Amino acid sequence: MLFDIEIKISLKSGMLNPEATQVERSLDLLGYEVKNVKTVETIKFQMEGEDREAIRENVVDMCERLLCNPVIHDYKINVIPQNMACGK
């Protein structure tokens, strides 16, 4: 079975986020009043397997070993079976 994987990676609360700070300042200069801008990185890919939980465990391992720095990042994982991704 094919699974769609989506990982959303964000900085933990309290971490400096220069990208978000720059976006907020730039929007302010353009006349938009925004507050508390946050940036989130999204990584999407597909994996083949039969067990959704085993796929999720593999993705957690990927996050902890390569994709995220657990000291500064939080992450959320969505594992969606391909046949459910289209509302089937």
PDB file of N, CA and C in Angstrom:
ATOM      1  N   MET A   1       0.849  -1.170   0.000  1.00  0.00           N
ATOM      2  CA  MET A   1       0.000   0.000   0.000  1.00  0.00           C
ATOM      3  C   MET A   1       0.898   1.238   0.000  1.00  0.00           C
ATOM      4  N   LEU A   2       0.489   2.251  -0.717  1.00  0.00           N
ATOM      5  CA  LEU A   2       1.240   3.492  -0.809  1.00  0.00           C
ATOM      6  C   LEU A   2       0.689   4.498   0.202  1.00  0.00           C
ATOM      7  N   PHE A   3       1.591   5.153   0.933  1.00  0.00           N
ATOM      8  CA  PHE A   3       1.209   6.151   1.929  1.00  0.00           C
ATOM      9  C   PHE A   3       1.788   7.505   1.544  1.00  0.00           C
ATOM     10  N   ASP A   4       0.976   8.546   1.690  1.00  0.00           N
ATOM     11  CA  ASP A   4       1.452   9.921   1.555  1.00  0.00           C
ATOM     12  C   ASP A   4       1.931  10.367   2.928  1.00  0.00           C
ATOM     13  N   ILE A   5       3.149  10.886   2.985  1.00  0.00           N
ATOM     14  CA  ILE A   5       3.742  11.335   4.233  1.00  0.00           C
ATOM     15  C   ILE A   5       3.900  12.847   4.177  1.00  0.00           C
ATOM     16  N   GLU A   6       3.501  13.509   5.247  1.00  0.00           N
ATOM     17  CA  GLU A   6       3.696  14.950   5.368  1.00  0.00           C
ATOM     18  C   GLU A   6       4.279  15.234   6.749  1.00  0.00           C
ATOM     19  N   ILE A   7       5.411  15.932   6.767  1.00  0.00           N
ATOM     20  CA  ILE A   7       6.064  16.310   8.018  1.00  0.00           C
ATOM     21  C   ILE A   7       6.098  17.828   8.074  1.00  0.00           C
ATOM     22  N   LYS A   8       5.592  18.394   9.157  1.00  0.00           N
ATOM     23  CA  LYS A   8       5.652  19.839   9.372  1.00  0.00           C
ATOM     24  C   LYS A   8       6.640  20.094  10.502  1.00  0.00           C
ATOM     25  N   ILE A   9       7.681  20.868  10.194  1.00  0.00           N
ATOM     26  CA  ILE A   9       8.759  21.136  11.139  1.00  0.00           C
ATOM     27  C   ILE A   9       8.725  22.617  11.506  1.00  0.00           C
ATOM     28  N   SER A  10       8.699  22.884  12.804  1.00  0.00           N
ATOM     29  CA  SER A  10       8.692  24.267  13.279  1.00  0.00           C
ATOM     30  C   SER A  10       9.682  24.423  14.420  1.00  0.00           C
ATOM     31  N   LEU A  11      10.050  25.667  14.680  1.00  0.00           N
ATOM     32  CA  LEU A  11      10.927  25.937  15.808  1.00  0.00           C
ATOM     33  C   LEU A  11      10.132  25.837  17.105  1.00  0.00           C
ATOM     34  N   LYS A  12      10.768  25.330  18.139  1.00  0.00           N
ATOM     35  CA  LYS A  12      10.123  25.247  19.445  1.00  0.00           C
ATOM     36  C   LYS A  12       9.843  26.651  19.963  1.00  0.00           C
ATOM     37  N   SER A  13       8.854  26.728  20.829  1.00  0.00           N
ATOM     38  CA  SER A  13       8.498  27.992  21.451  1.00  0.00           C
ATOM     39  C   SER A  13       9.715  28.579  22.159  1.00  0.00           C
ATOM     40  N   GLY A  14       9.930  29.866  21.966  1.00  0.00           N
ATOM     41  CA  GLY A  14      11.051  30.536  22.612  1.00  0.00           C
ATOM     42  C   GLY A  14      12.314  30.604  21.769  1.00  0.00           C
ATOM     43  N   MET A  15      12.360  29.851  20.675  1.00  0.00           N
ATOM     44  CA  MET A  15      13.531  29.887  19.794  1.00  0.00           C
ATOM     45  C   MET A  15      13.426  31.112  18.875  1.00  0.00           C
ATOM     46  N   LEU A  16      14.549  31.754  18.632  1.00  0.00           N
ATOM     47  CA  LEU A  16      14.564  32.885  17.712  1.00  0.00           C
ATOM     48  C   LEU A  16      14.308  32.393  16.293  1.00  0.00           C
ATOM     49  N   ASN A  17      13.463  33.129  15.570  1.00  0.00           N
ATOM     50  CA  ASN A  17      13.112  32.759  14.208  1.00  0.00           C
ATOM     51  C   ASN A  17      13.353  33.976  13.307  1.00  0.00           C
ATOM     52  N   PRO A  18      14.598  34.159  12.840  1.00  0.00           N
ATOM     53  CA  PRO A  18      14.906  35.348  12.043  1.00  0.00           C
ATOM     54  C   PRO A  18      14.076  35.463  10.766  1.00  0.00           C
ATOM     55  N   GLU A  19      13.742  34.344  10.163  1.00  0.00           N
ATOM     56  CA  GLU A  19      12.928  34.382   8.936  1.00  0.00           C
ATOM     57  C   GLU A  19      11.549  34.973   9.239  1.00  0.00           C
ATOM     58  N   ALA A  20      10.920  34.505  10.306  1.00  0.00           N
ATOM     59  CA  ALA A  20       9.599  35.013  10.679  1.00  0.00           C
ATOM     60  C   ALA A  20       9.670  36.485  11.073  1.00  0.00           C
ATOM     61  N   THR A  21      10.736  36.859  11.769  1.00  0.00           N
ATOM     62  CA  THR A  21      10.920  38.255  12.162  1.00  0.00           C
ATOM     63  C   THR A  21      11.019  39.145  10.933  1.00  0.00           C
ATOM     64  N   GLN A  22      11.764  38.708   9.930  1.00  0.00           N
ATOM     65  CA  GLN A  22      11.917  39.491   8.701  1.00  0.00           C
ATOM     66  C   GLN A  22      10.600  39.590   7.937  1.00  0.00           C
ATOM     67  N   VAL A  23       9.850  38.505   7.884  1.00  0.00           N
ATOM     68  CA  VAL A  23       8.542  38.532   7.217  1.00  0.00           C
ATOM     69  C   VAL A  23       7.625  39.526   7.919  1.00  0.00           C
ATOM     70  N   GLU A  24       7.602  39.465   9.255  1.00  0.00           N
ATOM     71  CA  GLU A  24       6.746  40.375  10.025  1.00  0.00           C
ATOM     72  C   GLU A  24       7.142  41.834   9.784  1.00  0.00           C
ATOM     73  N   ARG A  25       8.428  42.129   9.802  1.00  0.00           N
ATOM     74  CA  ARG A  25       8.903  43.503   9.556  1.00  0.00           C
ATOM     75  C   ARG A  25       8.563  43.968   8.144  1.00  0.00           C
ATOM     76  N   SER A  26       8.768  43.102   7.177  1.00  0.00           N
ATOM     77  CA  SER A  26       8.491  43.465   5.781  1.00  0.00           C
ATOM     78  C   SER A  26       7.012  43.718   5.560  1.00  0.00           C
ATOM     79  N   LEU A  27       6.169  42.875   6.132  1.00  0.00           N
ATOM     80  CA  LEU A  27       4.726  43.092   6.000  1.00  0.00           C
ATOM     81  C   LEU A  27       4.313  44.402   6.660  1.00  0.00           C
ATOM     82  N   ASP A  28       4.929  44.709   7.803  1.00  0.00           N
ATOM     83  CA  ASP A  28       4.653  45.974   8.483  1.00  0.00           C
ATOM     84  C   ASP A  28       5.032  47.157   7.589  1.00  0.00           C
ATOM     85  N   LEU A  29       6.185  47.064   6.930  1.00  0.00           N
ATOM     86  CA  LEU A  29       6.616  48.133   6.022  1.00  0.00           C
ATOM     87  C   LEU A  29       5.653  48.316   4.851  1.00  0.00           C
ATOM     88  N   LEU A  30       4.990  47.238   4.462  1.00  0.00           N
ATOM     89  CA  LEU A  30       4.012  47.307   3.371  1.00  0.00           C
ATOM     90  C   LEU A  30       2.636  47.758   3.858  1.00  0.00           C
ATOM     91  N   GLY A  31       2.523  48.004   5.176  1.00  0.00           N
ATOM     92  CA  GLY A  31       1.266  48.510   5.716  1.00  0.00           C
ATOM     93  C   GLY A  31       0.345  47.455   6.302  1.00  0.00           C
ATOM     94  N   TYR A  32       0.801  46.230   6.400  1.00  0.00           N
ATOM     95  CA  TYR A  32      -0.015  45.162   6.977  1.00  0.00           C
ATOM     96  C   TYR A  32       0.313  45.011   8.455  1.00  0.00           C
ATOM     97  N   GLU A  33      -0.714  44.967   9.270  1.00  0.00           N
ATOM     98  CA  GLU A  33      -0.510  44.793  10.706  1.00  0.00           C
ATOM     99  C   GLU A  33      -0.655  43.316  11.050  1.00  0.00           C
ATOM    100  N   VAL A  34       0.471  42.652  11.219  1.00  0.00           N
ATOM    101  CA  VAL A  34       0.464  41.235  11.589  1.00  0.00           C
ATOM    102  C   VAL A  34       1.306  41.056  12.849  1.00  0.00           C
ATOM    103  N   LYS A  35       1.000  40.016  13.596  1.00  0.00           N
ATOM    104  CA  LYS A  35       1.736  39.719  14.821  1.00  0.00           C
ATOM    105  C   LYS A  35       1.989  38.221  14.905  1.00  0.00           C
ATOM    106  N   ASN A  36       3.018  37.867  15.652  1.00  0.00           N
ATOM    107  CA  ASN A  36       3.321  36.459  15.955  1.00  0.00           C
ATOM    108  C   ASN A  36       3.495  35.600  14.707  1.00  0.00           C
ATOM    109  N   VAL A  37       4.231  36.097  13.725  1.00  0.00           N
ATOM    110  CA  VAL A  37       4.503  35.329  12.512  1.00  0.00           C
ATOM    111  C   VAL A  37       5.376  34.130  12.868  1.00  0.00           C
ATOM    112  N   LYS A  38       5.022  32.981  12.332  1.00  0.00           N
ATOM    113  CA  LYS A  38       5.807  31.761  12.504  1.00  0.00           C
ATOM    114  C   LYS A  38       6.033  31.152  11.124  1.00  0.00           C
ATOM    115  N   THR A  39       7.151  30.504  10.953  1.00  0.00           N
ATOM    116  CA  THR A  39       7.400  29.788   9.708  1.00  0.00           C
ATOM    117  C   THR A  39       7.429  28.296  10.005  1.00  0.00           C
ATOM    118  N   VAL A  40       6.931  27.527   9.058  1.00  0.00           N
ATOM    119  CA  VAL A  40       6.876  26.075   9.184  1.00  0.00           C
ATOM    120  C   VAL A  40       7.396  25.477   7.887  1.00  0.00           C
ATOM    121  N   GLU A  41       8.297  24.525   8.006  1.00  0.00           N
ATOM    122  CA  GLU A  41       8.815  23.812   6.836  1.00  0.00           C
ATOM    123  C   GLU A  41       7.978  22.545   6.651  1.00  0.00           C
ATOM    124  N   THR A  42       7.578  22.270   5.417  1.00  0.00           N
ATOM    125  CA  THR A  42       6.815  21.061   5.115  1.00  0.00           C
ATOM    126  C   THR A  42       7.629  20.175   4.189  1.00  0.00           C
ATOM    127  N   ILE A  43       7.723  18.907   4.554  1.00  0.00           N
ATOM    128  CA  ILE A  43       8.386  17.906   3.717  1.00  0.00           C
ATOM    129  C   ILE A  43       7.338  16.859   3.370  1.00  0.00           C
ATOM    130  N   LYS A  44       7.186  16.566   2.077  1.00  0.00           N
ATOM    131  CA  LYS A  44       6.211  15.569   1.619  1.00  0.00           C
ATOM    132  C   LYS A  44       6.916  14.512   0.789  1.00  0.00           C
ATOM    133  N   PHE A  45       6.504  13.273   0.969  1.00  0.00           N
ATOM    134  CA  PHE A  45       7.003  12.172   0.151  1.00  0.00           C
ATOM    135  C   PHE A  45       6.047  10.995   0.296  1.00  0.00           C
ATOM    136  N   GLN A  46       6.333   9.918  -0.413  1.00  0.00           N
ATOM    137  CA  GLN A  46       5.515   8.706  -0.340  1.00  0.00           C
ATOM    138  C   GLN A  46       6.377   7.532   0.092  1.00  0.00           C
ATOM    139  N   MET A  47       5.733   6.596   0.785  1.00  0.00           N
ATOM    140  CA  MET A  47       6.405   5.360   1.202  1.00  0.00           C
ATOM    141  C   MET A  47       5.481   4.183   0.941  1.00  0.00           C
ATOM    142  N   GLU A  48       6.087   3.062   0.621  1.00  0.00           N
ATOM    143  CA  GLU A  48       5.365   1.817   0.363  1.00  0.00           C
ATOM    144  C   GLU A  48       5.445   0.951   1.616  1.00  0.00           C
ATOM    145  N   GLY A  49       4.334   0.326   1.989  1.00  0.00           N
ATOM    146  CA  GLY A  49       4.322  -0.584   3.128  1.00  0.00           C
ATOM    147  C   GLY A  49       2.921  -1.077   3.407  1.00  0.00           C
ATOM    148  N   GLU A  50       2.811  -2.024   4.318  1.00  0.00           N
ATOM    149  CA  GLU A  50       1.509  -2.592   4.662  1.00  0.00           C
ATOM    150  C   GLU A  50       0.987  -2.097   6.006  1.00  0.00           C
ATOM    151  N   ASP A  51       1.894  -1.676   6.885  1.00  0.00           N
ATOM    152  CA  ASP A  51       1.524  -1.323   8.253  1.00  0.00           C
ATOM    153  C   ASP A  51       1.729   0.173   8.478  1.00  0.00           C
ATOM    154  N   ARG A  52       0.631   0.883   8.672  1.00  0.00           N
ATOM    155  CA  ARG A  52       0.684   2.333   8.858  1.00  0.00           C
ATOM    156  C   ARG A  52       1.557   2.714  10.057  1.00  0.00           C
ATOM    157  N   GLU A  53       1.443   1.968  11.147  1.00  0.00           N
ATOM    158  CA  GLU A  53       2.221   2.283  12.352  1.00  0.00           C
ATOM    159  C   GLU A  53       3.716   2.071  12.120  1.00  0.00           C
ATOM    160  N   ALA A  54       4.076   1.035  11.376  1.00  0.00           N
ATOM    161  CA  ALA A  54       5.493   0.798  11.058  1.00  0.00           C
ATOM    162  C   ALA A  54       6.041   1.924  10.188  1.00  0.00           C
ATOM    163  N   ILE A  55       5.230   2.392   9.241  1.00  0.00           N
ATOM    164  CA  ILE A  55       5.629   3.526   8.400  1.00  0.00           C
ATOM    165  C   ILE A  55       5.861   4.746   9.286  1.00  0.00           C
ATOM    166  N   ARG A  56       4.920   4.998  10.196  1.00  0.00           N
ATOM    167  CA  ARG A  56       5.042   6.158  11.093  1.00  0.00           C
ATOM    168  C   ARG A  56       6.316   6.067  11.938  1.00  0.00           C
ATOM    169  N   GLU A  57       6.616   4.893  12.465  1.00  0.00           N
ATOM    170  CA  GLU A  57       7.831   4.705  13.262  1.00  0.00           C
ATOM    171  C   GLU A  57       9.081   5.008  12.435  1.00  0.00           C
ATOM    172  N   ASN A  58       9.079   4.587  11.168  1.00  0.00           N
ATOM    173  CA  ASN A  58      10.208   4.895  10.277  1.00  0.00           C
ATOM    174  C   ASN A  58      10.347   6.401  10.058  1.00  0.00           C
ATOM    175  N   VAL A  59       9.224   7.081   9.897  1.00  0.00           N
ATOM    176  CA  VAL A  59       9.262   8.525   9.669  1.00  0.00           C
ATOM    177  C   VAL A  59       9.745   9.254  10.927  1.00  0.00           C
ATOM    178  N   VAL A  60       9.311   8.800  12.100  1.00  0.00           N
ATOM    179  CA  VAL A  60       9.810   9.377  13.354  1.00  0.00           C
ATOM    180  C   VAL A  60      11.326   9.216  13.421  1.00  0.00           C
ATOM    181  N   ASP A  61      11.819   8.041  13.061  1.00  0.00           N
ATOM    182  CA  ASP A  61      13.259   7.790  13.058  1.00  0.00           C
ATOM    183  C   ASP A  61      13.975   8.743  12.096  1.00  0.00           C
ATOM    184  N   MET A  62      13.397   8.955  10.905  1.00  0.00           N
ATOM    185  CA  MET A  62      13.974   9.897   9.939  1.00  0.00           C
ATOM    186  C   MET A  62      14.069  11.300  10.533  1.00  0.00           C
ATOM    187  N   CYS A  63      12.993  11.705  11.207  1.00  0.00           N
ATOM    188  CA  CYS A  63      12.971  13.043  11.811  1.00  0.00           C
ATOM    189  C   CYS A  63      14.049  13.178  12.875  1.00  0.00           C
ATOM    190  N   GLU A  64      14.157  12.184  13.723  1.00  0.00           N
ATOM    191  CA  GLU A  64      15.095  12.265  14.841  1.00  0.00           C
ATOM    192  C   GLU A  64      16.552  12.105  14.406  1.00  0.00           C
ATOM    193  N   ARG A  65      16.784  11.389  13.312  1.00  0.00           N
ATOM    194  CA  ARG A  65      18.158  11.146  12.867  1.00  0.00           C
ATOM    195  C   ARG A  65      18.667  12.164  11.851  1.00  0.00           C
ATOM    196  N   LEU A  66      17.753  12.783  11.079  1.00  0.00           N
ATOM    197  CA  LEU A  66      18.211  13.646   9.991  1.00  0.00           C
ATOM    198  C   LEU A  66      17.401  14.927   9.811  1.00  0.00           C
ATOM    199  N   LEU A  67      16.105  14.815   9.743  1.00  0.00           N
ATOM    200  CA  LEU A  67      15.282  15.932   9.287  1.00  0.00           C
ATOM    201  C   LEU A  67      15.102  17.049  10.310  1.00  0.00           C
ATOM    202  N   CYS A  68      15.184  16.725  11.592  1.00  0.00           N
ATOM    203  CA  CYS A  68      14.936  17.707  12.651  1.00  0.00           C
ATOM    204  C   CYS A  68      16.069  17.707  13.663  1.00  0.00           C
ATOM    205  N   ASN A  69      16.232  18.839  14.296  1.00  0.00           N
ATOM    206  CA  ASN A  69      17.114  18.928  15.456  1.00  0.00           C
ATOM    207  C   ASN A  69      16.194  18.955  16.672  1.00  0.00           C
ATOM    208  N   PRO A  70      16.128  17.866  17.447  1.00  0.00           N
ATOM    209  CA  PRO A  70      15.165  17.791  18.549  1.00  0.00           C
ATOM    210  C   PRO A  70      15.381  18.842  19.636  1.00  0.00           C
ATOM    211  N   VAL A  71      16.537  19.482  19.641  1.00  0.00           N
ATOM    212  CA  VAL A  71      16.796  20.533  20.629  1.00  0.00           C
ATOM    213  C   VAL A  71      16.000  21.797  20.282  1.00  0.00           C
ATOM    214  N   ILE A  72      15.860  22.090  18.993  1.00  0.00           N
ATOM    215  CA  ILE A  72      15.211  23.344  18.588  1.00  0.00           C
ATOM    216  C   ILE A  72      13.920  23.168  17.791  1.00  0.00           C
ATOM    217  N   HIS A  73      13.643  21.964  17.303  1.00  0.00           N
ATOM    218  CA  HIS A  73      12.475  21.753  16.442  1.00  0.00           C
ATOM    219  C   HIS A  73      11.394  20.901  17.101  1.00  0.00           C
ATOM    220  N   ASP A  74      10.158  21.213  16.753  1.00  0.00           N
ATOM    221  CA  ASP A  74       9.012  20.338  16.969  1.00  0.00           C
ATOM    222  C   ASP A  74       8.596  19.852  15.588  1.00  0.00           C
ATOM    223  N   TYR A  75       7.957  18.693  15.530  1.00  0.00           N
ATOM    224  CA  TYR A  75       7.469  18.215  14.241  1.00  0.00           C
ATOM    225  C   TYR A  75       6.166  17.458  14.414  1.00  0.00           C
ATOM    226  N   LYS A  76       5.365  17.491  13.352  1.00  0.00           N
ATOM    227  CA  LYS A  76       4.106  16.751  13.298  1.00  0.00           C
ATOM    228  C   LYS A  76       4.131  15.908  12.039  1.00  0.00           C
ATOM    229  N   ILE A  77       3.672  14.682  12.171  1.00  0.00           N
ATOM    230  CA  ILE A  77       3.700  13.731  11.061  1.00  0.00           C
ATOM    231  C   ILE A  77       2.278  13.321  10.712  1.00  0.00           C
ATOM    232  N   ASN A  78       1.956  13.347   9.423  1.00  0.00           N
ATOM    233  CA  ASN A  78       0.707  12.786   8.912  1.00  0.00           C
ATOM    234  C   ASN A  78       1.060  11.641   7.977  1.00  0.00           C
ATOM    235  N   VAL A  79       0.477  10.480   8.232  1.00  0.00           N
ATOM    236  CA  VAL A  79       0.648   9.304   7.378  1.00  0.00           C
ATOM    237  C   VAL A  79      -0.740   8.956   6.849  1.00  0.00           C
ATOM    238  N   ILE A  80      -0.931   9.138   5.548  1.00  0.00           N
ATOM    239  CA  ILE A  80      -2.255   8.957   4.950  1.00  0.00           C
ATOM    240  C   ILE A  80      -2.186   7.882   3.884  1.00  0.00           C
ATOM    241  N   PRO A  81      -2.965   6.803   4.041  1.00  0.00           N
ATOM    242  CA  PRO A  81      -3.009   5.790   2.980  1.00  0.00           C
ATOM    243  C   PRO A  81      -3.459   6.433   1.669  1.00  0.00           C
ATOM    244  N   GLN A  82      -2.801   6.105   0.573  1.00  0.00           N
ATOM    245  CA  GLN A  82      -3.068   6.714  -0.724  1.00  0.00           C
ATOM    246  C   GLN A  82      -4.543   6.630  -1.108  1.00  0.00           C
ATOM    247  N   ASN A  83      -5.210   5.520  -0.830  1.00  0.00           N
ATOM    248  CA  ASN A  83      -6.616   5.388  -1.224  1.00  0.00           C
ATOM    249  C   ASN A  83      -7.529   6.279  -0.396  1.00  0.00           C
ATOM    250  N   MET A  84      -7.047   6.811   0.749  1.00  0.00           N
ATOM    251  CA  MET A  84      -7.847   7.720   1.566  1.00  0.00           C
ATOM    252  C   MET A  84      -7.529   9.173   1.250  1.00  0.00           C
ATOM    253  N   ALA A  85      -6.390   9.427   0.624  1.00  0.00           N
ATOM    254  CA  ALA A  85      -5.949  10.795   0.361  1.00  0.00           C
ATOM    255  C   ALA A  85      -6.913  11.532  -0.569  1.00  0.00           C
ATOM    256  N   CYS A  86      -7.598  10.810  -1.436  1.00  0.00           N
ATOM    257  CA  CYS A  86      -8.527  11.422  -2.387  1.00  0.00           C
ATOM    258  C   CYS A  86      -9.964  11.372  -1.888  1.00  0.00           C
ATOM    259  N   GLY A  87     -10.158  10.985  -0.633  1.00  0.00           N
ATOM    260  CA  GLY A  87     -11.496  10.898  -0.081  1.00  0.00           C
ATOM    261  C   GLY A  87     -12.222   9.623  -0.438  1.00  0.00           C
ATOM    262  N   LYS A  88     -11.500   8.606  -0.891  1.00  0.00           N
ATOM    263  CA  LYS A  88     -12.131   7.336  -1.265  1.00  0.00           C
ATOM    264  C   LYS A  88     -12.385   6.489  -0.043  1.00  0.00           C
TER     265      LYS A  88
END
